[in-house]
Structures are given as structure tokens and as C-alpha cells.
């Protein structure tokens, strides 16, 4: 029997009272099961952190000595017990080390997706589908009007100009995916990376991911070469350099409103779109879907009369 309160949302985050742990808590807790290392899912300071090796490395880089008390590293599919709840990590395809959390309690399986994507991405483990009674899915882009184009098509837009490009992207996940995509599809371009992104790039390489060629940003290089340079920068730098001259400003994101003032719109998202969420539901075959992150209303309407859809947030 599905327990309606197996996962409840609190101000601290998603809580499982049956196993006394939180999924991606927003405040410091005793037991934190972390799906992936993005800052809105992985804060520092939790006493016990259960995650994959890559997630731990990213967290330890970001939070240094405040990363957490004890890290309990788990490989994908490795089962462990947390106060009577059987847990295992399943690849989520979002960024390197990202995991869905499969929880089994009293014969019922609950699958928390964390953030996930179905699009191919050479820089992280591809998503795997497992069956579950309850699918707890993110609904960041759960809107029938949102269909992400393929990243391979989008990246080719950068070849439409020879002017230097300032390319804004998240430092973890998106940055590394873009370096790899540009190496594959933009051979004329020279890729310069902002120094703050390099440690994450190095962790990818340490974990065996070959991203291709890139170099650390050097102002002189950019000044002396007026064409075919791409300067990859994190969002804060992108925003602060709004007056940069002799460059085309591009920001890689699935969000339309963030594309407004850019000369090239680069729709590259690391989240599932509407069709991908529906396909995931088809593969997981849940009898209930619980939604989190974003609005689940359109999903609820879509499955009306066919499946129970509960909005957690």
C-alpha cells in the first residue's frame, strides 16, 4: 500500500519520516540523501551525506571544509539501508554523478528523480529507467508548449558568426557539456574558460570524462584575436559584463525569458521537457505521480482520470 506521507514537503525540504532522512534538504540536517551537486539541491554542513563519488567531489570543492560531516559514497545500483528504507541510486542523466533515488519500504517502491534529462550527453552517465509504484518527478518544464530542441542542432548556431562570443552557462554540468559539444560541432572555435569554472572541469577529467580542448581565459588572447573565440563564463560574470564590446552575448538555457536580449538564442537545457516527462512516466509505470520543482498542474490535468497526480509543492 502506497503511504501518502512517505515523502512530505517541509520548509527544510523533502522529508521521509519512515527512514528519518531528507532528500536534497535546503537546511542542515542529520541525514541527507543528495541527488546531485547543484547548489539548490546540495547544501554544505549536513552530518551524514549519502551521494555518488562525483557529487561528493563537487560539494567538497564548493564548500571546502564545510561540505559535510561524513560522506557515505554509493555507486549506482548499490543498495543501502537507512533506518529500514532500502535505497539505491539510479543514473539521472542531468550532470556527472546525478542520481535518481529509488526507495523501497514495505514492498512499495518510490522513485525520486532529482533533476533529470533524456537527451544524450557524453559528459555524464545516461539516464536509466526503473519501475516504481510512485514517481516523484521534477516538473521544471512540465508544459506541453515546452519541447527542447536537440543540443547538437542548437550548438551549430555558434558557427553562424565569426565574431567573438561571450557564452554564459552554469559552472557545473552545462559548462562541461558545452565544451564537449563545441569540440564536436564547432571545430573552428577556440574555447576560453573562466578561471572559476576550471575546478569543476578538472573534476570531470579526474572522473574520466574527456571534454576535448579548451584553455584558461587570457585577456591578451581575446584582445589579439577578433574572430572565432568563445569565452565561457558563469552567470554572475555574464551579468556583470553587460557592456562588453566586440562580442556577441549568448546564454545557454532552456528558459525563454533568459534569452530575450541575446543575439543568438541557445536553447540547451539539462532538464526533461514535457515529452520526456511523459516518456519517463511510461517507462516507470507508476500508479501515482508526485510532482516537485515547478508546477505539476498541467501534468495533473493531462493524467486526469488515468493516474493519481499529487502536487507536493
C-alpha atoms as a PDB file:
ATOM      1  CA  UNK A   1       0.000   0.000   0.000  1.00  0.00           C
ATOM      2  CA  UNK A   2       1.328   3.431  -1.000  1.00  0.00           C
ATOM      3  CA  UNK A   3       1.916   5.646   2.013  1.00  0.00           C
ATOM      4  CA  UNK A   4       0.550   9.091   1.257  1.00  0.00           C
ATOM      5  CA  UNK A   5       3.014  10.668   3.689  1.00  0.00           C
ATOM      6  CA  UNK A   6       6.087   8.632   2.693  1.00  0.00           C
ATOM      7  CA  UNK A   7       7.666  11.860   1.404  1.00  0.00           C
ATOM      8  CA  UNK A   8       6.327  15.172   2.666  1.00  0.00           C
ATOM      9  CA  UNK A   9       7.491  18.668   1.848  1.00  0.00           C
ATOM     10  CA  UNK A  10       8.639  20.827   4.764  1.00  0.00           C
ATOM     11  CA  UNK A  11      10.472  24.151   4.928  1.00  0.00           C
ATOM     12  CA  UNK A  12      13.681  22.105   5.234  1.00  0.00           C
ATOM     13  CA  UNK A  13      12.880  20.078   2.126  1.00  0.00           C
ATOM     14  CA  UNK A  14      11.523  16.667   1.188  1.00  0.00           C
ATOM     15  CA  UNK A  15      11.345  14.530   4.339  1.00  0.00           C
ATOM     16  CA  UNK A  16      10.926  10.783   4.783  1.00  0.00           C
ATOM     17  CA  UNK A  17       9.900  10.234   8.402  1.00  0.00           C
ATOM     18  CA  UNK A  18       9.939   6.441   7.927  1.00  0.00           C
ATOM     19  CA  UNK A  19      13.698   6.487   7.253  1.00  0.00           C
ATOM     20  CA  UNK A  20      14.450   9.736   9.096  1.00  0.00           C
ATOM     21  CA  UNK A  21      16.220  11.373   6.147  1.00  0.00           C
ATOM     22  CA  UNK A  22      15.801  14.296   3.780  1.00  0.00           C
ATOM     23  CA  UNK A  23      16.136  14.331   0.006  1.00  0.00           C
ATOM     24  CA  UNK A  24      18.193  17.368  -1.119  1.00  0.00           C
ATOM     25  CA  UNK A  25      17.478  19.393   2.045  1.00  0.00           C
ATOM     26  CA  UNK A  26      17.575  23.208   1.949  1.00  0.00           C
ATOM     27  CA  UNK A  27      18.781  23.455   5.574  1.00  0.00           C
ATOM     28  CA  UNK A  28      21.353  21.421   7.524  1.00  0.00           C
ATOM     29  CA  UNK A  29      20.038  18.018   8.675  1.00  0.00           C
ATOM     30  CA  UNK A  30      21.327  14.813  10.260  1.00  0.00           C
ATOM     31  CA  UNK A  31      20.773  12.515   7.256  1.00  0.00           C
ATOM     32  CA  UNK A  32      20.848  13.994   3.746  1.00  0.00           C
ATOM     33  CA  UNK A  33      20.388  11.903   0.611  1.00  0.00           C
ATOM     34  CA  UNK A  34      21.721  14.125  -2.185  1.00  0.00           C
ATOM     35  CA  UNK A  35      20.663  13.561  -5.801  1.00  0.00           C
ATOM     36  CA  UNK A  36      23.292  15.824  -7.393  1.00  0.00           C
ATOM     37  CA  UNK A  37      25.673  18.668  -6.627  1.00  0.00           C
ATOM     38  CA  UNK A  38      23.852  21.766  -7.908  1.00  0.00           C
ATOM     39  CA  UNK A  39      23.584  24.375  -5.153  1.00  0.00           C
ATOM     40  CA  UNK A  40      19.774  24.247  -4.990  1.00  0.00           C
ATOM     41  CA  UNK A  41      19.958  20.513  -4.187  1.00  0.00           C
ATOM     42  CA  UNK A  42      23.206  20.172  -2.256  1.00  0.00           C
ATOM     43  CA  UNK A  43      23.976  22.493   0.650  1.00  0.00           C
ATOM     44  CA  UNK A  44      27.004  22.091   2.896  1.00  0.00           C
ATOM     45  CA  UNK A  45      27.060  21.106   6.553  1.00  0.00           C
ATOM     46  CA  UNK A  46      24.822  18.031   6.744  1.00  0.00           C
ATOM     47  CA  UNK A  47      26.031  15.449   9.300  1.00  0.00           C
ATOM     48  CA  UNK A  48      25.633  12.352   7.116  1.00  0.00           C
ATOM     49  CA  UNK A  49      25.689  12.777   3.352  1.00  0.00           C
ATOM     50  CA  UNK A  50      24.681   9.885   1.091  1.00  0.00           C
ATOM     51  CA  UNK A  51      25.649  10.525  -2.549  1.00  0.00           C
ATOM     52  CA  UNK A  52      27.752   9.413  -5.510  1.00  0.00           C
ATOM     53  CA  UNK A  53      31.507   9.997  -5.683  1.00  0.00           C
ATOM     54  CA  UNK A  54      31.281  12.799  -8.271  1.00  0.00           C
ATOM     55  CA  UNK A  55      28.627  14.603  -6.202  1.00  0.00           C
ATOM     56  CA  UNK A  56      30.913  14.451  -3.137  1.00  0.00           C
ATOM     57  CA  UNK A  57      33.884  15.831  -5.114  1.00  0.00           C
ATOM     58  CA  UNK A  58      31.835  18.767  -6.416  1.00  0.00           C
ATOM     59  CA  UNK A  59      30.448  19.505  -2.935  1.00  0.00           C
ATOM     60  CA  UNK A  60      33.891  19.322  -1.348  1.00  0.00           C
ATOM     61  CA  UNK A  61      35.233  21.761  -3.924  1.00  0.00           C
ATOM     62  CA  UNK A  62      32.359  24.194  -3.433  1.00  0.00           C
ATOM     63  CA  UNK A  63      32.017  24.086   0.366  1.00  0.00           C
ATOM     64  CA  UNK A  64      35.582  23.124   1.331  1.00  0.00           C
ATOM     65  CA  UNK A  65      35.730  22.131   4.997  1.00  0.00           C
ATOM     66  CA  UNK A  66      32.013  22.922   5.419  1.00  0.00           C
ATOM     67  CA  UNK A  67      30.946  20.320   2.840  1.00  0.00           C
ATOM     68  CA  UNK A  68      29.513  17.966   5.455  1.00  0.00           C
ATOM     69  CA  UNK A  69      30.274  15.650   8.359  1.00  0.00           C
ATOM     70  CA  UNK A  70      30.625  12.137   6.992  1.00  0.00           C
ATOM     71  CA  UNK A  71      30.255  11.307   3.300  1.00  0.00           C
ATOM     72  CA  UNK A  72      28.810   7.869   2.558  1.00  0.00           C
ATOM     73  CA  UNK A  73      29.695   7.291  -1.097  1.00  0.00           C
ATOM     74  CA  UNK A  74      27.472   4.926  -3.069  1.00  0.00           C
ATOM     75  CA  UNK A  75      27.864   3.550  -6.568  1.00  0.00           C
ATOM     76  CA  UNK A  76      24.866   3.314  -8.875  1.00  0.00           C
ATOM     77  CA  UNK A  77      22.560   0.361  -8.050  1.00  0.00           C
ATOM     78  CA  UNK A  78      24.336  -0.313  -4.738  1.00  0.00           C
ATOM     79  CA  UNK A  79      21.636  -0.919  -2.120  1.00  0.00           C
ATOM     80  CA  UNK A  80      21.908   0.516   1.373  1.00  0.00           C
ATOM     81  CA  UNK A  81      19.563   0.691   4.318  1.00  0.00           C
ATOM     82  CA  UNK A  82      18.602   3.906   6.081  1.00  0.00           C
ATOM     83  CA  UNK A  83      16.512   3.189   9.173  1.00  0.00           C
ATOM     84  CA  UNK A  84      14.521   0.461   7.436  1.00  0.00           C
ATOM     85  CA  UNK A  85      14.202   2.089   3.997  1.00  0.00           C
ATOM     86  CA  UNK A  86      16.130   0.355   1.164  1.00  0.00           C
ATOM     87  CA  UNK A  87      17.775   2.945  -1.052  1.00  0.00           C
ATOM     88  CA  UNK A  88      19.747   2.827  -4.287  1.00  0.00           C
ATOM     89  CA  UNK A  89      20.975   5.439  -6.774  1.00  0.00           C
ATOM     90  CA  UNK A  90      19.988   5.215 -10.447  1.00  0.00           C
ATOM     91  CA  UNK A  91      21.662   7.428 -13.112  1.00  0.00           C
ATOM     92  CA  UNK A  92      19.602  10.579 -13.830  1.00  0.00           C
ATOM     93  CA  UNK A  93      21.432  11.943 -16.891  1.00  0.00           C
ATOM     94  CA  UNK A  94      21.367  15.513 -15.524  1.00  0.00           C
ATOM     95  CA  UNK A  95      25.063  16.164 -14.757  1.00  0.00           C
ATOM     96  CA  UNK A  96      28.023  13.968 -13.839  1.00  0.00           C
ATOM     97  CA  UNK A  97      27.174  11.908 -10.739  1.00  0.00           C
ATOM     98  CA  UNK A  98      23.484  12.878 -10.754  1.00  0.00           C
ATOM     99  CA  UNK A  99      21.159  10.223  -9.379  1.00  0.00           C
ATOM    100  CA  UNK A 100      17.530   9.302  -9.058  1.00  0.00           C
ATOM    101  CA  UNK A 101      16.813   7.912  -5.589  1.00  0.00           C
ATOM    102  CA  UNK A 102      14.941   4.603  -5.533  1.00  0.00           C
ATOM    103  CA  UNK A 103      13.431   3.950  -2.108  1.00  0.00           C
ATOM    104  CA  UNK A 104      11.688   0.726  -1.098  1.00  0.00           C
ATOM    105  CA  UNK A 105       9.623   0.426   2.064  1.00  0.00           C
ATOM    106  CA  UNK A 106       7.190  -2.348   2.969  1.00  0.00           C
ATOM    107  CA  UNK A 107       7.225  -3.660  -0.592  1.00  0.00           C
ATOM    108  CA  UNK A 108       6.397  -0.298  -2.211  1.00  0.00           C
ATOM    109  CA  UNK A 109       8.888   1.489  -4.477  1.00  0.00           C
ATOM    110  CA  UNK A 110       9.149   5.280  -4.561  1.00  0.00           C
ATOM    111  CA  UNK A 111      11.405   6.859  -7.199  1.00  0.00           C
ATOM    112  CA  UNK A 112      12.618  10.436  -6.662  1.00  0.00           C
ATOM    113  CA  UNK A 113      14.067  11.709  -9.946  1.00  0.00           C
ATOM    114  CA  UNK A 114      16.003  14.714  -8.660  1.00  0.00           C
ATOM    115  CA  UNK A 115      16.752  16.742 -11.811  1.00  0.00           C
ATOM    116  CA  UNK A 116      16.994  14.596 -14.928  1.00  0.00           C
ATOM    117  CA  UNK A 117      17.236  14.704 -18.701  1.00  0.00           C
ATOM    118  CA  UNK A 118      16.760  12.204 -21.502  1.00  0.00           C
ATOM    119  CA  UNK A 119      18.816  13.997 -24.165  1.00  0.00           C
ATOM    120  CA  UNK A 120      22.145  12.315 -24.937  1.00  0.00           C
ATOM    121  CA  UNK A 121      25.135  13.882 -23.188  1.00  0.00           C
ATOM    122  CA  UNK A 122      28.644  12.413 -23.440  1.00  0.00           C
ATOM    123  CA  UNK A 123      29.725  14.215 -20.254  1.00  0.00           C
ATOM    124  CA  UNK A 124      27.522  12.314 -17.791  1.00  0.00           C
ATOM    125  CA  UNK A 125      26.004   8.907 -17.156  1.00  0.00           C
ATOM    126  CA  UNK A 126      22.868   8.386 -19.304  1.00  0.00           C
ATOM    127  CA  UNK A 127      19.528   8.134 -17.513  1.00  0.00           C
ATOM    128  CA  UNK A 128      18.254   4.664 -16.652  1.00  0.00           C
ATOM    129  CA  UNK A 129      14.594   3.813 -16.149  1.00  0.00           C
ATOM    130  CA  UNK A 130      13.412   1.594 -13.313  1.00  0.00           C
ATOM    131  CA  UNK A 131       9.893   0.570 -12.383  1.00  0.00           C
ATOM    132  CA  UNK A 132       8.285   2.159  -9.317  1.00  0.00           C
ATOM    133  CA  UNK A 133       4.860   2.467  -7.692  1.00  0.00           C
ATOM    134  CA  UNK A 134       5.291   6.206  -7.123  1.00  0.00           C
ATOM    135  CA  UNK A 135       7.220   8.526  -9.445  1.00  0.00           C
ATOM    136  CA  UNK A 136       8.312  11.724  -7.655  1.00  0.00           C
ATOM    137  CA  UNK A 137       9.303  13.876 -10.602  1.00  0.00           C
ATOM    138  CA  UNK A 138      10.658  17.381 -11.082  1.00  0.00           C
ATOM    139  CA  UNK A 139       8.324  19.485 -13.255  1.00  0.00           C
ATOM    140  CA  UNK A 140      10.633  22.380 -14.151  1.00  0.00           C
ATOM    141  CA  UNK A 141       9.450  22.345 -17.784  1.00  0.00           C
ATOM    142  CA  UNK A 142       6.176  20.397 -17.423  1.00  0.00           C
ATOM    143  CA  UNK A 143       4.319  22.404 -20.032  1.00  0.00           C
ATOM    144  CA  UNK A 144       3.075  20.964 -23.368  1.00  0.00           C
ATOM    145  CA  UNK A 145       4.425  24.100 -25.082  1.00  0.00           C
ATOM    146  CA  UNK A 146       7.978  23.325 -23.949  1.00  0.00           C
ATOM    147  CA  UNK A 147       9.873  20.997 -26.259  1.00  0.00           C
ATOM    148  CA  UNK A 148      13.646  21.275 -26.038  1.00  0.00           C
ATOM    149  CA  UNK A 149      15.434  21.217 -29.404  1.00  0.00           C
ATOM    150  CA  UNK A 150      18.404  18.879 -29.637  1.00  0.00           C
ATOM    151  CA  UNK A 151      21.619  20.306 -28.209  1.00  0.00           C
ATOM    152  CA  UNK A 152      23.552  19.214 -31.325  1.00  0.00           C
ATOM    153  CA  UNK A 153      21.308  21.392 -33.556  1.00  0.00           C
ATOM    154  CA  UNK A 154      21.485  24.343 -31.161  1.00  0.00           C
ATOM    155  CA  UNK A 155      25.273  24.383 -30.774  1.00  0.00           C
ATOM    156  CA  UNK A 156      25.634  24.790 -34.570  1.00  0.00           C
ATOM    157  CA  UNK A 157      24.155  28.296 -34.174  1.00  0.00           C
ATOM    158  CA  UNK A 158      27.538  29.369 -32.775  1.00  0.00           C
ATOM    159  CA  UNK A 159      29.019  28.693 -36.232  1.00  0.00           C
ATOM    160  CA  UNK A 160      26.719  31.345 -37.757  1.00  0.00           C
ATOM    161  CA  UNK A 161      29.120  34.132 -36.729  1.00  0.00           C
ATOM    162  CA  UNK A 162      32.857  34.654 -36.691  1.00  0.00           C
ATOM    163  CA  UNK A 163      32.544  37.422 -34.116  1.00  0.00           C
ATOM    164  CA  UNK A 164      33.870  36.531 -30.664  1.00  0.00           C
ATOM    165  CA  UNK A 165      31.205  35.168 -28.333  1.00  0.00           C
ATOM    166  CA  UNK A 166      30.738  35.551 -24.607  1.00  0.00           C
ATOM    167  CA  UNK A 167      28.875  32.387 -23.658  1.00  0.00           C
ATOM    168  CA  UNK A 168      27.140  32.340 -20.270  1.00  0.00           C
ATOM    169  CA  UNK A 169      26.467  28.976 -18.616  1.00  0.00           C
ATOM    170  CA  UNK A 170      26.244  27.299 -15.213  1.00  0.00           C
ATOM    171  CA  UNK A 171      29.704  26.324 -13.990  1.00  0.00           C
ATOM    172  CA  UNK A 172      28.712  22.751 -13.148  1.00  0.00           C
ATOM    173  CA  UNK A 173      27.192  20.491 -15.784  1.00  0.00           C
ATOM    174  CA  UNK A 174      26.252  22.946 -18.523  1.00  0.00           C
ATOM    175  CA  UNK A 175      29.804  24.310 -18.882  1.00  0.00           C
ATOM    176  CA  UNK A 176      31.312  20.849 -19.394  1.00  0.00           C
ATOM    177  CA  UNK A 177      28.547  19.744 -21.768  1.00  0.00           C
ATOM    178  CA  UNK A 178      29.108  22.885 -23.869  1.00  0.00           C
ATOM    179  CA  UNK A 179      32.885  22.353 -24.058  1.00  0.00           C
ATOM    180  CA  UNK A 180      32.264  18.824 -25.337  1.00  0.00           C
ATOM    181  CA  UNK A 181      29.556  19.926 -27.816  1.00  0.00           C
ATOM    182  CA  UNK A 182      31.707  22.774 -29.176  1.00  0.00           C
ATOM    183  CA  UNK A 183      34.649  20.420 -29.656  1.00  0.00           C
ATOM    184  CA  UNK A 184      32.393  18.082 -31.645  1.00  0.00           C
ATOM    185  CA  UNK A 185      30.444  20.633 -33.689  1.00  0.00           C
ATOM    186  CA  UNK A 186      32.383  23.939 -33.755  1.00  0.00           C
ATOM    187  CA  UNK A 187      35.898  22.936 -34.825  1.00  0.00           C
ATOM    188  CA  UNK A 188      36.844  26.493 -35.917  1.00  0.00           C
ATOM    189  CA  UNK A 189      36.197  27.925 -32.459  1.00  0.00           C
ATOM    190  CA  UNK A 190      38.819  28.458 -29.769  1.00  0.00           C
ATOM    191  CA  UNK A 191      37.328  27.849 -26.310  1.00  0.00           C
ATOM    192  CA  UNK A 192      38.433  30.032 -23.393  1.00  0.00           C
ATOM    193  CA  UNK A 193      37.154  29.098 -19.936  1.00  0.00           C
ATOM    194  CA  UNK A 194      36.683  31.464 -16.976  1.00  0.00           C
ATOM    195  CA  UNK A 195      39.012  30.514 -14.096  1.00  0.00           C
ATOM    196  CA  UNK A 196      36.137  29.886 -11.648  1.00  0.00           C
ATOM    197  CA  UNK A 197      34.794  27.084 -13.866  1.00  0.00           C
ATOM    198  CA  UNK A 198      38.092  25.234 -14.185  1.00  0.00           C
ATOM    199  CA  UNK A 199      37.972  23.250 -10.905  1.00  0.00           C
ATOM    200  CA  UNK A 200      34.682  21.619 -11.969  1.00  0.00           C
ATOM    201  CA  UNK A 201      36.164  20.917 -15.413  1.00  0.00           C
ATOM    202  CA  UNK A 202      39.170  19.270 -13.731  1.00  0.00           C
ATOM    203  CA  UNK A 203      36.910  17.051 -11.581  1.00  0.00           C
ATOM    204  CA  UNK A 204      35.150  15.859 -14.756  1.00  0.00           C
ATOM    205  CA  UNK A 205      38.532  14.949 -16.209  1.00  0.00           C
ATOM    206  CA  UNK A 206      39.615  13.321 -12.951  1.00  0.00           C
ATOM    207  CA  UNK A 207      36.455  11.167 -13.194  1.00  0.00           C
ATOM    208  CA  UNK A 208      37.500  10.047 -16.693  1.00  0.00           C
ATOM    209  CA  UNK A 209      35.379  12.372 -18.844  1.00  0.00           C
ATOM    210  CA  UNK A 210      37.265  13.661 -21.891  1.00  0.00           C
ATOM    211  CA  UNK A 211      35.811  17.077 -22.768  1.00  0.00           C
ATOM    212  CA  UNK A 212      38.197  17.918 -25.606  1.00  0.00           C
ATOM    213  CA  UNK A 213      40.326  21.030 -25.965  1.00  0.00           C
ATOM    214  CA  UNK A 214      39.903  24.298 -24.083  1.00  0.00           C
ATOM    215  CA  UNK A 215      42.195  26.855 -22.460  1.00  0.00           C
ATOM    216  CA  UNK A 216      42.051  29.175 -19.488  1.00  0.00           C
ATOM    217  CA  UNK A 217      40.853  32.673 -20.394  1.00  0.00           C
ATOM    218  CA  UNK A 218      43.593  35.157 -21.139  1.00  0.00           C
ATOM    219  CA  UNK A 219      42.619  38.748 -21.826  1.00  0.00           C
ATOM    220  CA  UNK A 220      45.501  39.277 -24.245  1.00  0.00           C
ATOM    221  CA  UNK A 221      44.467  36.291 -26.339  1.00  0.00           C
ATOM    222  CA  UNK A 222      40.905  37.564 -26.647  1.00  0.00           C
ATOM    223  CA  UNK A 223      42.111  41.100 -27.445  1.00  0.00           C
ATOM    224  CA  UNK A 224      44.535  39.954 -30.144  1.00  0.00           C
ATOM    225  CA  UNK A 225      42.059  37.604 -31.826  1.00  0.00           C
ATOM    226  CA  UNK A 226      38.940  39.321 -33.093  1.00  0.00           C
ATOM    227  CA  UNK A 227      37.276  36.211 -34.515  1.00  0.00           C
ATOM    228  CA  UNK A 228      36.177  32.688 -33.559  1.00  0.00           C
ATOM    229  CA  UNK A 229      36.896  32.954 -29.834  1.00  0.00           C
ATOM    230  CA  UNK A 230      34.314  31.691 -27.347  1.00  0.00           C
ATOM    231  CA  UNK A 231      34.692  32.899 -23.767  1.00  0.00           C
ATOM    232  CA  UNK A 232      32.741  30.621 -21.439  1.00  0.00           C
ATOM    233  CA  UNK A 233      31.677  32.440 -18.254  1.00  0.00           C
ATOM    234  CA  UNK A 234      29.404  31.725 -15.243  1.00  0.00           C
ATOM    235  CA  UNK A 235      26.080  33.638 -14.892  1.00  0.00           C
ATOM    236  CA  UNK A 236      27.387  36.283 -12.452  1.00  0.00           C
ATOM    237  CA  UNK A 237      30.220  37.243 -14.801  1.00  0.00           C
ATOM    238  CA  UNK A 238      27.863  37.204 -17.796  1.00  0.00           C
ATOM    239  CA  UNK A 239      25.536  39.645 -15.993  1.00  0.00           C
ATOM    240  CA  UNK A 240      28.333  41.934 -14.818  1.00  0.00           C
ATOM    241  CA  UNK A 241      29.918  42.218 -18.290  1.00  0.00           C
ATOM    242  CA  UNK A 242      26.756  43.534 -19.921  1.00  0.00           C
ATOM    243  CA  UNK A 243      28.763  46.338 -21.567  1.00  0.00           C
ATOM    244  CA  UNK A 244      31.391  44.056 -23.089  1.00  0.00           C
ATOM    245  CA  UNK A 245      32.335  45.253 -26.566  1.00  0.00           C
ATOM    246  CA  UNK A 246      33.252  43.336 -29.734  1.00  0.00           C
ATOM    247  CA  UNK A 247      31.452  40.211 -28.521  1.00  0.00           C
ATOM    248  CA  UNK A 248      28.096  38.606 -29.146  1.00  0.00           C
ATOM    249  CA  UNK A 249      26.387  37.696 -25.885  1.00  0.00           C
ATOM    250  CA  UNK A 250      24.839  34.218 -25.696  1.00  0.00           C
ATOM    251  CA  UNK A 251      23.404  32.370 -22.692  1.00  0.00           C
ATOM    252  CA  UNK A 252      22.781  28.610 -22.811  1.00  0.00           C
ATOM    253  CA  UNK A 253      19.469  27.792 -21.118  1.00  0.00           C
ATOM    254  CA  UNK A 254      16.079  26.197 -21.685  1.00  0.00           C
ATOM    255  CA  UNK A 255      14.335  29.270 -20.243  1.00  0.00           C
ATOM    256  CA  UNK A 256      12.832  31.548 -22.901  1.00  0.00           C
ATOM    257  CA  UNK A 257      12.827  34.655 -20.668  1.00  0.00           C
ATOM    258  CA  UNK A 258      16.612  34.391 -20.179  1.00  0.00           C
ATOM    259  CA  UNK A 259      17.105  34.519 -23.966  1.00  0.00           C
ATOM    260  CA  UNK A 260      15.375  37.855 -24.505  1.00  0.00           C
ATOM    261  CA  UNK A 261      18.263  40.242 -25.140  1.00  0.00           C
ATOM    262  CA  UNK A 262      20.720  37.829 -26.713  1.00  0.00           C
ATOM    263  CA  UNK A 263      21.657  37.984 -30.385  1.00  0.00           C
ATOM    264  CA  UNK A 264      21.781  34.196 -30.616  1.00  0.00           C
ATOM    265  CA  UNK A 265      19.237  32.137 -28.644  1.00  0.00           C
ATOM    266  CA  UNK A 266      20.887  28.934 -27.445  1.00  0.00           C
ATOM    267  CA  UNK A 267      18.221  26.593 -26.088  1.00  0.00           C
ATOM    268  CA  UNK A 268      20.285  23.921 -24.347  1.00  0.00           C
ATOM    269  CA  UNK A 269      18.624  22.514 -21.232  1.00  0.00           C
ATOM    270  CA  UNK A 270      19.682  19.835 -18.763  1.00  0.00           C
ATOM    271  CA  UNK A 271      16.081  19.161 -17.693  1.00  0.00           C
ATOM    272  CA  UNK A 272      13.344  16.921 -19.052  1.00  0.00           C
ATOM    273  CA  UNK A 273      10.766  18.690 -21.226  1.00  0.00           C
ATOM    274  CA  UNK A 274       7.055  17.800 -21.468  1.00  0.00           C
ATOM    275  CA  UNK A 275       7.507  14.815 -23.814  1.00  0.00           C
ATOM    276  CA  UNK A 276      10.421  13.482 -21.765  1.00  0.00           C
ATOM    277  CA  UNK A 277       8.383  13.607 -18.551  1.00  0.00           C
ATOM    278  CA  UNK A 278       5.565  11.683 -20.264  1.00  0.00           C
ATOM    279  CA  UNK A 279       8.039   9.133 -21.634  1.00  0.00           C
ATOM    280  CA  UNK A 280       9.563   8.715 -18.172  1.00  0.00           C
ATOM    281  CA  UNK A 281       6.120   8.043 -16.712  1.00  0.00           C
ATOM    282  CA  UNK A 282       5.544   5.476 -19.468  1.00  0.00           C
ATOM    283  CA  UNK A 283       8.816   3.692 -18.638  1.00  0.00           C
ATOM    284  CA  UNK A 284       8.481   3.805 -14.830  1.00  0.00           C
ATOM    285  CA  UNK A 285       4.811   2.699 -14.954  1.00  0.00           C
ATOM    286  CA  UNK A 286       3.834   4.251 -11.607  1.00  0.00           C
ATOM    287  CA  UNK A 287       0.327   4.109 -10.175  1.00  0.00           C
ATOM    288  CA  UNK A 288       0.873   7.597  -8.740  1.00  0.00           C
ATOM    289  CA  UNK A 289       2.968  10.622  -9.767  1.00  0.00           C
ATOM    290  CA  UNK A 290       4.018  13.203  -7.180  1.00  0.00           C
ATOM    291  CA  UNK A 291       5.418  16.465  -8.505  1.00  0.00           C
ATOM    292  CA  UNK A 292       8.104  18.806  -7.203  1.00  0.00           C
ATOM    293  CA  UNK A 293      10.116  21.814  -8.557  1.00  0.00           C
ATOM    294  CA  UNK A 294       7.913  23.858 -10.861  1.00  0.00           C
ATOM    295  CA  UNK A 295       4.195  23.443 -11.447  1.00  0.00           C
ATOM    296  CA  UNK A 296       2.658  19.997 -11.805  1.00  0.00           C
ATOM    297  CA  UNK A 297      -0.793  21.340 -12.723  1.00  0.00           C
ATOM    298  CA  UNK A 298      -0.600  20.603 -16.446  1.00  0.00           C
ATOM    299  CA  UNK A 299       0.601  17.080 -15.666  1.00  0.00           C
ATOM    300  CA  UNK A 300      -2.318  16.625 -13.280  1.00  0.00           C
ATOM    301  CA  UNK A 301      -4.749  17.740 -15.993  1.00  0.00           C
ATOM    302  CA  UNK A 302      -3.086  15.508 -18.576  1.00  0.00           C
ATOM    303  CA  UNK A 303      -3.445  12.361 -16.446  1.00  0.00           C
ATOM    304  CA  UNK A 304      -6.881  13.292 -15.068  1.00  0.00           C
ATOM    305  CA  UNK A 305      -8.930  10.113 -14.645  1.00  0.00           C
ATOM    306  CA  UNK A 306      -5.973   7.855 -15.587  1.00  0.00           C
ATOM    307  CA  UNK A 307      -3.402   8.364 -12.819  1.00  0.00           C
ATOM    308  CA  UNK A 308      -3.276   9.996  -9.410  1.00  0.00           C
ATOM    309  CA  UNK A 309      -1.082  13.103  -9.688  1.00  0.00           C
ATOM    310  CA  UNK A 310      -0.269  14.810  -6.408  1.00  0.00           C
ATOM    311  CA  UNK A 311       1.475  18.185  -6.233  1.00  0.00           C
ATOM    312  CA  UNK A 312       3.976  18.098  -3.370  1.00  0.00           C
ATOM    313  CA  UNK A 313       4.890  21.778  -3.613  1.00  0.00           C
END
